[in-house]
Amino acid sequence: MNITGHNSYSGCRFCNIQGVYSHRYKYIYYHPKPKGTYIKKNYSDWLEQINEIETVLLFKEKKY
Protein backbone atom coordinates (compact mmCIF):
# COMPACT_ATOMS: atom_id res chain seq x y z
CA MET A 1 0.00 0.00 0.00
CA ASN A 2 3.05 2.29 0.36
CA ILE A 3 1.56 4.47 3.09
CA THR A 4 4.75 4.94 5.10
CA GLY A 5 8.25 3.50 5.09
CA HIS A 6 11.55 3.80 3.29
CA ASN A 7 10.07 2.69 -0.05
CA SER A 8 6.88 4.77 -0.08
CA TYR A 9 5.93 8.24 -1.24
CA SER A 10 5.40 9.29 2.38
CA GLY A 11 8.66 8.23 3.97
CA CYS A 12 8.04 9.48 7.49
CA ARG A 13 5.25 8.33 9.77
CA PHE A 14 5.46 11.52 11.83
CA CYS A 15 5.42 14.26 9.18
CA ASN A 16 4.10 14.87 5.66
CA ILE A 17 7.33 14.68 3.64
CA GLN A 18 6.64 13.55 0.06
CA GLY A 19 9.04 11.49 -2.02
CA VAL A 20 9.79 11.77 -5.73
CA TYR A 21 10.05 8.60 -7.81
CA SER A 22 13.12 8.18 -10.03
CA HIS A 23 12.29 6.13 -13.13
CA ARG A 24 15.98 5.80 -13.89
CA TYR A 25 16.94 4.20 -10.57
CA LYS A 26 13.46 2.85 -9.67
CA TYR A 27 13.67 4.38 -6.22
CA ILE A 28 11.90 7.11 -4.23
CA TYR A 29 14.01 10.07 -3.12
CA TYR A 30 13.26 12.65 -0.43
CA HIS A 31 14.45 16.20 -0.93
CA PRO A 32 15.49 17.85 2.34
CA LYS A 33 13.78 21.05 3.45
CA PRO A 34 14.87 23.52 6.13
CA LYS A 35 14.22 22.32 9.66
CA GLY A 36 10.76 23.11 10.96
CA THR A 37 8.99 23.24 7.58
CA TYR A 38 7.38 19.80 7.86
CA ILE A 39 3.85 19.53 9.21
CA LYS A 40 3.39 16.79 11.80
CA LYS A 41 0.69 14.22 11.20
CA ASN A 42 -2.08 13.86 13.74
CA TYR A 43 -4.94 11.44 14.38
CA SER A 44 -7.33 13.14 11.96
CA ASP A 45 -4.74 12.88 9.15
CA TRP A 46 -4.60 9.10 9.65
CA LEU A 47 -8.40 8.84 9.66
CA GLU A 48 -8.54 10.82 6.41
CA GLN A 49 -6.02 8.50 4.75
CA ILE A 50 -7.94 5.42 5.93
CA ASN A 51 -11.17 6.86 4.51
CA GLU A 52 -9.46 7.52 1.16
CA ILE A 53 -8.22 3.92 1.00
CA GLU A 54 -11.62 2.50 1.93
CA THR A 55 -13.33 4.71 -0.67
CA VAL A 56 -11.02 3.48 -3.42
CA LEU A 57 -11.52 -0.15 -2.38
CA LEU A 58 -15.30 0.23 -2.33
CA PHE A 59 -15.24 1.96 -5.72
CA LYS A 60 -13.20 -0.90 -7.21
CA GLU A 61 -15.60 -3.49 -5.76
CA LYS A 62 -18.60 -1.69 -7.26
CA LYS A 63 -16.84 -1.39 -10.59
CA TYR A 64 -16.54 -5.19 -11.00
PDB file of N, CA and C in Angstrom:
ATOM      1  N   MET A   1       0.809  -1.193   0.000  1.00  0.00           N
ATOM      2  CA  MET A   1       0.000   0.000   0.000  1.00  0.00           C
ATOM      3  C   MET A   1       0.855   1.260   0.000  1.00  0.00           C
ATOM      4  N   ASN A   2       2.112   1.160   0.401  1.00  0.00           N
ATOM      5  CA  ASN A   2       3.050   2.290   0.360  1.00  0.00           C
ATOM      6  C   ASN A   2       2.537   3.524   1.104  1.00  0.00           C
ATOM      7  N   ILE A   3       2.031   3.325   2.301  1.00  0.00           N
ATOM      8  CA  ILE A   3       1.560   4.465   3.091  1.00  0.00           C
ATOM      9  C   ILE A   3       2.738   5.142   3.780  1.00  0.00           C
ATOM     10  N   THR A   4       3.547   4.382   4.488  1.00  0.00           N
ATOM     11  CA  THR A   4       4.753   4.936   5.097  1.00  0.00           C
ATOM     12  C   THR A   4       5.877   3.918   4.977  1.00  0.00           C
ATOM     13  N   GLY A   5       7.091   4.382   5.126  1.00  0.00           N
ATOM     14  CA  GLY A   5       8.248   3.503   5.086  1.00  0.00           C
ATOM     15  C   GLY A   5       9.304   4.014   4.122  1.00  0.00           C
ATOM     16  N   HIS A   6      10.426   3.334   4.095  1.00  0.00           N
ATOM     17  CA  HIS A   6      11.552   3.802   3.293  1.00  0.00           C
ATOM     18  C   HIS A   6      11.328   3.641   1.792  1.00  0.00           C
ATOM     19  N   ASN A   7      10.324   2.879   1.377  1.00  0.00           N
ATOM     20  CA  ASN A   7      10.073   2.686  -0.052  1.00  0.00           C
ATOM     21  C   ASN A   7       8.671   3.167  -0.432  1.00  0.00           C
ATOM     22  N   SER A   8       8.203   4.226   0.222  1.00  0.00           N
ATOM     23  CA  SER A   8       6.880   4.767  -0.080  1.00  0.00           C
ATOM     24  C   SER A   8       6.999   6.253  -0.414  1.00  0.00           C
ATOM     25  N   TYR A   9       5.927   6.817  -0.911  1.00  0.00           N
ATOM     26  CA  TYR A   9       5.934   8.244  -1.241  1.00  0.00           C
ATOM     27  C   TYR A   9       5.902   9.110   0.010  1.00  0.00           C
ATOM     28  N   SER A  10       5.397   8.575   1.105  1.00  0.00           N
ATOM     29  CA  SER A  10       5.396   9.285   2.380  1.00  0.00           C
ATOM     30  C   SER A  10       6.360   8.555   3.302  1.00  0.00           C
ATOM     31  N   GLY A  11       7.603   8.976   3.309  1.00  0.00           N
ATOM     32  CA  GLY A  11       8.664   8.231   3.968  1.00  0.00           C
ATOM     33  C   GLY A  11       8.735   8.360   5.473  1.00  0.00           C
ATOM     34  N   CYS A  12       7.978   9.265   6.042  1.00  0.00           N
ATOM     35  CA  CYS A  12       8.035   9.475   7.489  1.00  0.00           C
ATOM     36  C   CYS A  12       6.645   9.284   8.080  1.00  0.00           C
ATOM     37  N   ARG A  13       6.561   8.529   9.163  1.00  0.00           N
ATOM     38  CA  ARG A  13       5.248   8.325   9.774  1.00  0.00           C
ATOM     39  C   ARG A  13       4.859   9.457  10.711  1.00  0.00           C
ATOM     40  N   PHE A  14       5.747  10.420  10.921  1.00  0.00           N
ATOM     41  CA  PHE A  14       5.461  11.522  11.829  1.00  0.00           C
ATOM     42  C   PHE A  14       5.171  12.838  11.124  1.00  0.00           C
ATOM     43  N   CYS A  15       5.650  13.008   9.896  1.00  0.00           N
ATOM     44  CA  CYS A  15       5.419  14.264   9.178  1.00  0.00           C
ATOM     45  C   CYS A  15       4.952  13.978   7.748  1.00  0.00           C
ATOM     46  N   ASN A  16       4.666  15.011   6.995  1.00  0.00           N
ATOM     47  CA  ASN A  16       4.100  14.865   5.655  1.00  0.00           C
ATOM     48  C   ASN A  16       5.121  15.072   4.543  1.00  0.00           C
ATOM     49  N   ILE A  17       6.332  14.585   4.704  1.00  0.00           N
ATOM     50  CA  ILE A  17       7.329  14.680   3.642  1.00  0.00           C
ATOM     51  C   ILE A  17       6.891  13.793   2.474  1.00  0.00           C
ATOM     52  N   GLN A  18       7.044  14.291   1.248  1.00  0.00           N
ATOM     53  CA  GLN A  18       6.643  13.549   0.056  1.00  0.00           C
ATOM     54  C   GLN A  18       7.867  13.197  -0.775  1.00  0.00           C
ATOM     55  N   GLY A  19       7.932  11.953  -1.203  1.00  0.00           N
ATOM     56  CA  GLY A  19       9.039  11.495  -2.019  1.00  0.00           C
ATOM     57  C   GLY A  19       8.783  11.692  -3.500  1.00  0.00           C
ATOM     58  N   VAL A  20       9.854  11.639  -4.277  1.00  0.00           N
ATOM     59  CA  VAL A  20       9.785  11.774  -5.735  1.00  0.00           C
ATOM     60  C   VAL A  20      10.369  10.501  -6.332  1.00  0.00           C
ATOM     61  N   TYR A  21       9.610   9.854  -7.219  1.00  0.00           N
ATOM     62  CA  TYR A  21      10.047   8.596  -7.812  1.00  0.00           C
ATOM     63  C   TYR A  21      11.019   8.845  -8.956  1.00  0.00           C
ATOM     64  N   SER A  22      12.133   8.109  -8.950  1.00  0.00           N
ATOM     65  CA  SER A  22      13.116   8.178 -10.030  1.00  0.00           C
ATOM     66  C   SER A  22      12.921   6.974 -10.944  1.00  0.00           C
ATOM     67  N   HIS A  23      12.487   7.222 -12.182  1.00  0.00           N
ATOM     68  CA  HIS A  23      12.295   6.128 -13.135  1.00  0.00           C
ATOM     69  C   HIS A  23      13.633   5.503 -13.520  1.00  0.00           C
ATOM     70  N   ARG A  24      14.670   6.303 -13.506  1.00  0.00           N
ATOM     71  CA  ARG A  24      15.984   5.797 -13.892  1.00  0.00           C
ATOM     72  C   ARG A  24      16.514   4.772 -12.897  1.00  0.00           C
ATOM     73  N   TYR A  25      16.399   5.084 -11.596  1.00  0.00           N
ATOM     74  CA  TYR A  25      16.936   4.197 -10.565  1.00  0.00           C
ATOM     75  C   TYR A  25      15.867   3.349  -9.885  1.00  0.00           C
ATOM     76  N   LYS A  26      14.588   3.575 -10.246  1.00  0.00           N
ATOM     77  CA  LYS A  26      13.463   2.848  -9.666  1.00  0.00           C
ATOM     78  C   LYS A  26      13.488   2.920  -8.138  1.00  0.00           C
ATOM     79  N   TYR A  27      13.559   4.142  -7.653  1.00  0.00           N
ATOM     80  CA  TYR A  27      13.666   4.382  -6.219  1.00  0.00           C
ATOM     81  C   TYR A  27      12.982   5.703  -5.896  1.00  0.00           C
ATOM     82  N   ILE A  28      12.538   5.871  -4.672  1.00  0.00           N
ATOM     83  CA  ILE A  28      11.900   7.108  -4.233  1.00  0.00           C
ATOM     84  C   ILE A  28      12.902   7.915  -3.410  1.00  0.00           C
ATOM     85  N   TYR A  29      13.079   9.177  -3.802  1.00  0.00           N
ATOM     86  CA  TYR A  29      14.013  10.071  -3.122  1.00  0.00           C
ATOM     87  C   TYR A  29      13.258  11.142  -2.359  1.00  0.00           C
ATOM     88  N   TYR A  30      13.847  11.601  -1.260  1.00  0.00           N
ATOM     89  CA  TYR A  30      13.255  12.650  -0.429  1.00  0.00           C
ATOM     90  C   TYR A  30      14.175  13.846  -0.422  1.00  0.00           C
ATOM     91  N   HIS A  31      13.661  14.981  -0.882  1.00  0.00           N
ATOM     92  CA  HIS A  31      14.452  16.204  -0.927  1.00  0.00           C
ATOM     93  C   HIS A  31      14.367  16.890   0.431  1.00  0.00           C
ATOM     94  N   PRO A  32      15.512  17.211   1.025  1.00  0.00           N
ATOM     95  CA  PRO A  32      15.490  17.851   2.345  1.00  0.00           C
ATOM     96  C   PRO A  32      14.971  19.288   2.270  1.00  0.00           C
ATOM     97  N   LYS A  33      14.265  19.683   3.300  1.00  0.00           N
ATOM     98  CA  LYS A  33      13.783  21.052   3.448  1.00  0.00           C
ATOM     99  C   LYS A  33      14.388  21.623   4.729  1.00  0.00           C
ATOM    100  N   PRO A  34      14.366  22.939   4.877  1.00  0.00           N
ATOM    101  CA  PRO A  34      14.867  23.519   6.125  1.00  0.00           C
ATOM    102  C   PRO A  34      14.106  22.980   7.336  1.00  0.00           C
ATOM    103  N   LYS A  35      14.814  22.871   8.436  1.00  0.00           N
ATOM    104  CA  LYS A  35      14.223  22.318   9.657  1.00  0.00           C
ATOM    105  C   LYS A  35      13.002  23.136  10.081  1.00  0.00           C
ATOM    106  N   GLY A  36      11.961  22.442  10.482  1.00  0.00           N
ATOM    107  CA  GLY A  36      10.756  23.107  10.957  1.00  0.00           C
ATOM    108  C   GLY A  36       9.711  23.380   9.900  1.00  0.00           C
ATOM    109  N   THR A  37       9.968  22.965   8.646  1.00  0.00           N
ATOM    110  CA  THR A  37       8.995  23.239   7.582  1.00  0.00           C
ATOM    111  C   THR A  37       8.039  22.068   7.359  1.00  0.00           C
ATOM    112  N   TYR A  38       8.260  20.949   8.016  1.00  0.00           N
ATOM    113  CA  TYR A  38       7.383  19.801   7.858  1.00  0.00           C
ATOM    114  C   TYR A  38       6.218  19.904   8.832  1.00  0.00           C
ATOM    115  N   ILE A  39       5.043  19.503   8.365  1.00  0.00           N
ATOM    116  CA  ILE A  39       3.852  19.529   9.207  1.00  0.00           C
ATOM    117  C   ILE A  39       3.670  18.144   9.812  1.00  0.00           C
ATOM    118  N   LYS A  40       3.560  18.080  11.131  1.00  0.00           N
ATOM    119  CA  LYS A  40       3.392  16.795  11.803  1.00  0.00           C
ATOM    120  C   LYS A  40       2.005  16.224  11.517  1.00  0.00           C
ATOM    121  N   LYS A  41       1.958  14.901  11.382  1.00  0.00           N
ATOM    122  CA  LYS A  41       0.687  14.215  11.199  1.00  0.00           C
ATOM    123  C   LYS A  41      -0.013  14.094  12.547  1.00  0.00           C
ATOM    124  N   ASN A  42      -1.328  14.083  12.512  1.00  0.00           N
ATOM    125  CA  ASN A  42      -2.082  13.863  13.736  1.00  0.00           C
ATOM    126  C   ASN A  42      -3.134  12.784  13.475  1.00  0.00           C
ATOM    127  N   TYR A  43      -3.960  12.520  14.464  1.00  0.00           N
ATOM    128  CA  TYR A  43      -4.937  11.443  14.381  1.00  0.00           C
ATOM    129  C   TYR A  43      -5.925  11.659  13.232  1.00  0.00           C
ATOM    130  N   SER A  44      -6.367  12.877  13.029  1.00  0.00           N
ATOM    131  CA  SER A  44      -7.334  13.144  11.963  1.00  0.00           C
ATOM    132  C   SER A  44      -6.720  12.920  10.579  1.00  0.00           C
ATOM    133  N   ASP A  45      -5.411  13.161  10.427  1.00  0.00           N
ATOM    134  CA  ASP A  45      -4.739  12.879   9.152  1.00  0.00           C
ATOM    135  C   ASP A  45      -4.787  11.383   8.832  1.00  0.00           C
ATOM    136  N   TRP A  46      -4.549  10.550   9.848  1.00  0.00           N
ATOM    137  CA  TRP A  46      -4.599   9.099   9.652  1.00  0.00           C
ATOM    138  C   TRP A  46      -6.004   8.648   9.298  1.00  0.00           C
ATOM    139  N   LEU A  47      -7.020   9.204   9.973  1.00  0.00           N
ATOM    140  CA  LEU A  47      -8.403   8.844   9.658  1.00  0.00           C
ATOM    141  C   LEU A  47      -8.766   9.236   8.228  1.00  0.00           C
ATOM    142  N   GLU A  48      -8.276  10.370   7.785  1.00  0.00           N
ATOM    143  CA  GLU A  48      -8.535  10.822   6.410  1.00  0.00           C
ATOM    144  C   GLU A  48      -7.909   9.865   5.400  1.00  0.00           C
ATOM    145  N   GLN A  49      -6.677   9.432   5.662  1.00  0.00           N
ATOM    146  CA  GLN A  49      -6.016   8.495   4.754  1.00  0.00           C
ATOM    147  C   GLN A  49      -6.739   7.151   4.726  1.00  0.00           C
ATOM    148  N   ILE A  50      -7.202   6.684   5.875  1.00  0.00           N
ATOM    149  CA  ILE A  50      -7.945   5.422   5.932  1.00  0.00           C
ATOM    150  C   ILE A  50      -9.239   5.533   5.133  1.00  0.00           C
ATOM    151  N   ASN A  51      -9.936   6.653   5.271  1.00  0.00           N
ATOM    152  CA  ASN A  51     -11.169   6.857   4.510  1.00  0.00           C
ATOM    153  C   ASN A  51     -10.910   6.884   3.007  1.00  0.00           C
ATOM    154  N   GLU A  52      -9.805   7.489   2.585  1.00  0.00           N
ATOM    155  CA  GLU A  52      -9.456   7.516   1.162  1.00  0.00           C
ATOM    156  C   GLU A  52      -9.209   6.104   0.636  1.00  0.00           C
ATOM    157  N   ILE A  53      -8.506   5.296   1.410  1.00  0.00           N
ATOM    158  CA  ILE A  53      -8.219   3.919   0.997  1.00  0.00           C
ATOM    159  C   ILE A  53      -9.507   3.112   0.919  1.00  0.00           C
ATOM    160  N   GLU A  54     -10.362   3.241   1.930  1.00  0.00           N
ATOM    161  CA  GLU A  54     -11.621   2.502   1.926  1.00  0.00           C
ATOM    162  C   GLU A  54     -12.518   2.931   0.774  1.00  0.00           C
ATOM    163  N   THR A  55     -12.526   4.213   0.449  1.00  0.00           N
ATOM    164  CA  THR A  55     -13.329   4.710  -0.668  1.00  0.00           C
ATOM    165  C   THR A  55     -12.863   4.108  -1.981  1.00  0.00           C
ATOM    166  N   VAL A  56     -11.562   4.050  -2.186  1.00  0.00           N
ATOM    167  CA  VAL A  56     -11.016   3.475  -3.420  1.00  0.00           C
ATOM    168  C   VAL A  56     -11.352   1.989  -3.494  1.00  0.00           C
ATOM    169  N   LEU A  57     -11.216   1.279  -2.381  1.00  0.00           N
ATOM    170  CA  LEU A  57     -11.515  -0.149  -2.382  1.00  0.00           C
ATOM    171  C   LEU A  57     -12.991  -0.402  -2.668  1.00  0.00           C
ATOM    172  N   LEU A  58     -13.864   0.383  -2.081  1.00  0.00           N
ATOM    173  CA  LEU A  58     -15.297   0.227  -2.334  1.00  0.00           C
ATOM    174  C   LEU A  58     -15.635   0.550  -3.786  1.00  0.00           C
ATOM    175  N   PHE A  59     -15.006   1.578  -4.330  1.00  0.00           N
ATOM    176  CA  PHE A  59     -15.242   1.963  -5.723  1.00  0.00           C
ATOM    177  C   PHE A  59     -14.816   0.835  -6.660  1.00  0.00           C
ATOM    178  N   LYS A  60     -13.673   0.208  -6.363  1.00  0.00           N
ATOM    179  CA  LYS A  60     -13.197  -0.899  -7.210  1.00  0.00           C
ATOM    180  C   LYS A  60     -14.131  -2.088  -7.116  1.00  0.00           C
ATOM    181  N   GLU A  61     -14.669  -2.375  -5.923  1.00  0.00           N
ATOM    182  CA  GLU A  61     -15.600  -3.491  -5.761  1.00  0.00           C
ATOM    183  C   GLU A  61     -16.875  -3.239  -6.552  1.00  0.00           C
ATOM    184  N   LYS A  62     -17.376  -2.018  -6.526  1.00  0.00           N
ATOM    185  CA  LYS A  62     -18.598  -1.691  -7.258  1.00  0.00           C
ATOM    186  C   LYS A  62     -18.373  -1.737  -8.763  1.00  0.00           C
ATOM    187  N   LYS A  63     -17.158  -1.448  -9.170  1.00  0.00           N
ATOM    188  CA  LYS A  63     -16.840  -1.393 -10.592  1.00  0.00           C
ATOM    189  C   LYS A  63     -16.909  -2.789 -11.219  1.00  0.00           C
ATOM    190  N   TYR A  64     -16.577  -3.819 -10.442  1.00  0.00           N
ATOM    191  CA  TYR A  64     -16.543  -5.189 -10.998  1.00  0.00           C
ATOM    192  C   TYR A  64     -17.796  -5.887 -10.708  1.00  0.00           C
TER     193      TYR A  64
END
